[in-house]
Amino acid sequence: MAQILQEALLRKREVLKLTGLSNSSFYNYIKAGVLKPGVPIGPRLKGWPASEIQAYIQSCIASREEKKGRAA
């Protein structure tokens, strides 16, 4: 039997809290292609896949580690 994977969709407020981004930085990152646009979940609602937000956070951590390695 196939395993069913669940993906959570996070609302903007949750994404901002997890990433520490401001509202304007969040939309600038979407415009720049750093973050993907939200997934429509209603007529005026969007959600962001938790896995994509977690991948963004991990890329920030990896970037820090890369910079730290170059400085040493």
C-alpha atoms as a PDB file:
ATOM      1  CA  MET A   1       0.000   0.000   0.000  1.00  0.00           C
ATOM      2  CA  ALA A   2       1.281   3.465  -0.876  1.00  0.00           C
ATOM      3  CA  GLN A   3       2.290   5.725   1.961  1.00  0.00           C
ATOM      4  CA  ILE A   4       0.345   8.976   2.140  1.00  0.00           C
ATOM      5  CA  LEU A   5       2.515  11.990   2.876  1.00  0.00           C
ATOM      6  CA  GLN A   6       0.877  15.008   4.414  1.00  0.00           C
ATOM      7  CA  GLU A   7       1.998  18.494   3.484  1.00  0.00           C
ATOM      8  CA  ALA A   8       0.912  21.400   5.645  1.00  0.00           C
ATOM      9  CA  LEU A   9       0.111  24.771   4.137  1.00  0.00           C
ATOM     10  CA  LEU A  10       1.228  27.662   6.299  1.00  0.00           C
ATOM     11  CA  ARG A  11      -0.536  30.994   6.305  1.00  0.00           C
ATOM     12  CA  LYS A  12       1.534  34.165   5.863  1.00  0.00           C
ATOM     13  CA  ARG A  13       1.481  34.995   9.570  1.00  0.00           C
ATOM     14  CA  GLU A  14       3.032  31.606  10.370  1.00  0.00           C
ATOM     15  CA  VAL A  15       5.643  31.979   7.615  1.00  0.00           C
ATOM     16  CA  LEU A  16       6.653  35.418   8.903  1.00  0.00           C
ATOM     17  CA  LYS A  17       6.950  34.062  12.440  1.00  0.00           C
ATOM     18  CA  LEU A  18       9.067  31.073  11.362  1.00  0.00           C
ATOM     19  CA  THR A  19      11.393  33.039   9.095  1.00  0.00           C
ATOM     20  CA  GLY A  20      11.604  36.297  11.011  1.00  0.00           C
ATOM     21  CA  LEU A  21      10.937  38.227   7.791  1.00  0.00           C
ATOM     22  CA  SER A  22       8.976  41.454   7.733  1.00  0.00           C
ATOM     23  CA  ASN A  23       5.879  41.720   5.558  1.00  0.00           C
ATOM     24  CA  SER A  24       7.656  43.835   2.939  1.00  0.00           C
ATOM     25  CA  SER A  25      10.766  41.609   2.886  1.00  0.00           C
ATOM     26  CA  PHE A  26       8.520  38.567   2.459  1.00  0.00           C
ATOM     27  CA  TYR A  27       6.920  40.013  -0.677  1.00  0.00           C
ATOM     28  CA  ASN A  28      10.282  41.279  -1.974  1.00  0.00           C
ATOM     29  CA  TYR A  29      11.669  37.739  -1.650  1.00  0.00           C
ATOM     30  CA  ILE A  30       8.711  36.390  -3.626  1.00  0.00           C
ATOM     31  CA  LYS A  31       9.250  39.030  -6.316  1.00  0.00           C
ATOM     32  CA  ALA A  32      12.977  38.191  -6.460  1.00  0.00           C
ATOM     33  CA  GLY A  33      12.254  34.454  -6.714  1.00  0.00           C
ATOM     34  CA  VAL A  34      13.818  33.572  -3.366  1.00  0.00           C
ATOM     35  CA  LEU A  35      10.447  32.280  -2.138  1.00  0.00           C
ATOM     36  CA  LYS A  36       7.691  30.871  -4.318  1.00  0.00           C
ATOM     37  CA  PRO A  37       4.247  32.500  -4.458  1.00  0.00           C
ATOM     38  CA  GLY A  38       1.598  30.994  -2.235  1.00  0.00           C
ATOM     39  CA  VAL A  39      -0.767  28.207  -3.203  1.00  0.00           C
ATOM     40  CA  PRO A  40      -4.403  29.325  -3.528  1.00  0.00           C
ATOM     41  CA  ILE A  41      -6.497  27.676  -0.801  1.00  0.00           C
ATOM     42  CA  GLY A  42      -9.553  29.877  -1.128  1.00  0.00           C
ATOM     43  CA  PRO A  43     -10.881  32.875  -3.049  1.00  0.00           C
ATOM     44  CA  ARG A  44      -8.622  35.266  -1.136  1.00  0.00           C
ATOM     45  CA  LEU A  45      -6.413  32.881   0.815  1.00  0.00           C
ATOM     46  CA  LYS A  46      -2.952  31.557   0.092  1.00  0.00           C
ATOM     47  CA  GLY A  47      -0.766  29.094   1.900  1.00  0.00           C
ATOM     48  CA  TRP A  48       2.891  28.203   1.599  1.00  0.00           C
ATOM     49  CA  PRO A  49       3.976  24.555   1.738  1.00  0.00           C
ATOM     50  CA  ALA A  50       5.765  23.919   5.019  1.00  0.00           C
ATOM     51  CA  SER A  51       8.457  21.929   3.208  1.00  0.00           C
ATOM     52  CA  GLU A  52       9.328  24.943   1.007  1.00  0.00           C
ATOM     53  CA  ILE A  53       9.571  27.256   4.008  1.00  0.00           C
ATOM     54  CA  GLN A  54      11.702  24.705   5.861  1.00  0.00           C
ATOM     55  CA  ALA A  55      13.965  24.404   2.796  1.00  0.00           C
ATOM     56  CA  TYR A  56      14.373  28.208   2.759  1.00  0.00           C
ATOM     57  CA  ILE A  57      15.312  28.199   6.453  1.00  0.00           C
ATOM     58  CA  GLN A  58      17.818  25.382   5.880  1.00  0.00           C
ATOM     59  CA  SER A  59      19.358  27.291   2.950  1.00  0.00           C
ATOM     60  CA  CYS A  60      19.854  30.295   5.233  1.00  0.00           C
ATOM     61  CA  ILE A  61      21.613  28.083   7.780  1.00  0.00           C
ATOM     62  CA  ALA A  62      23.755  26.467   5.082  1.00  0.00           C
ATOM     63  CA  SER A  63      24.692  29.891   3.746  1.00  0.00           C
ATOM     64  CA  ARG A  64      25.815  30.953   7.194  1.00  0.00           C
ATOM     65  CA  GLU A  65      27.915  27.808   7.582  1.00  0.00           C
ATOM     66  CA  GLU A  66      29.466  28.378   4.133  1.00  0.00           C
ATOM     67  CA  LYS A  67      30.403  31.955   5.020  1.00  0.00           C
ATOM     68  CA  LYS A  68      31.733  30.814   8.393  1.00  0.00           C
ATOM     69  CA  GLY A  69      33.954  28.229   6.671  1.00  0.00           C
ATOM     70  CA  ARG A  70      35.419  30.828   4.302  1.00  0.00           C
ATOM     71  CA  ALA A  71      36.223  33.223   7.149  1.00  0.00           C
ATOM     72  CA  ALA A  72      38.246  30.655   9.084  1.00  0.00           C
END
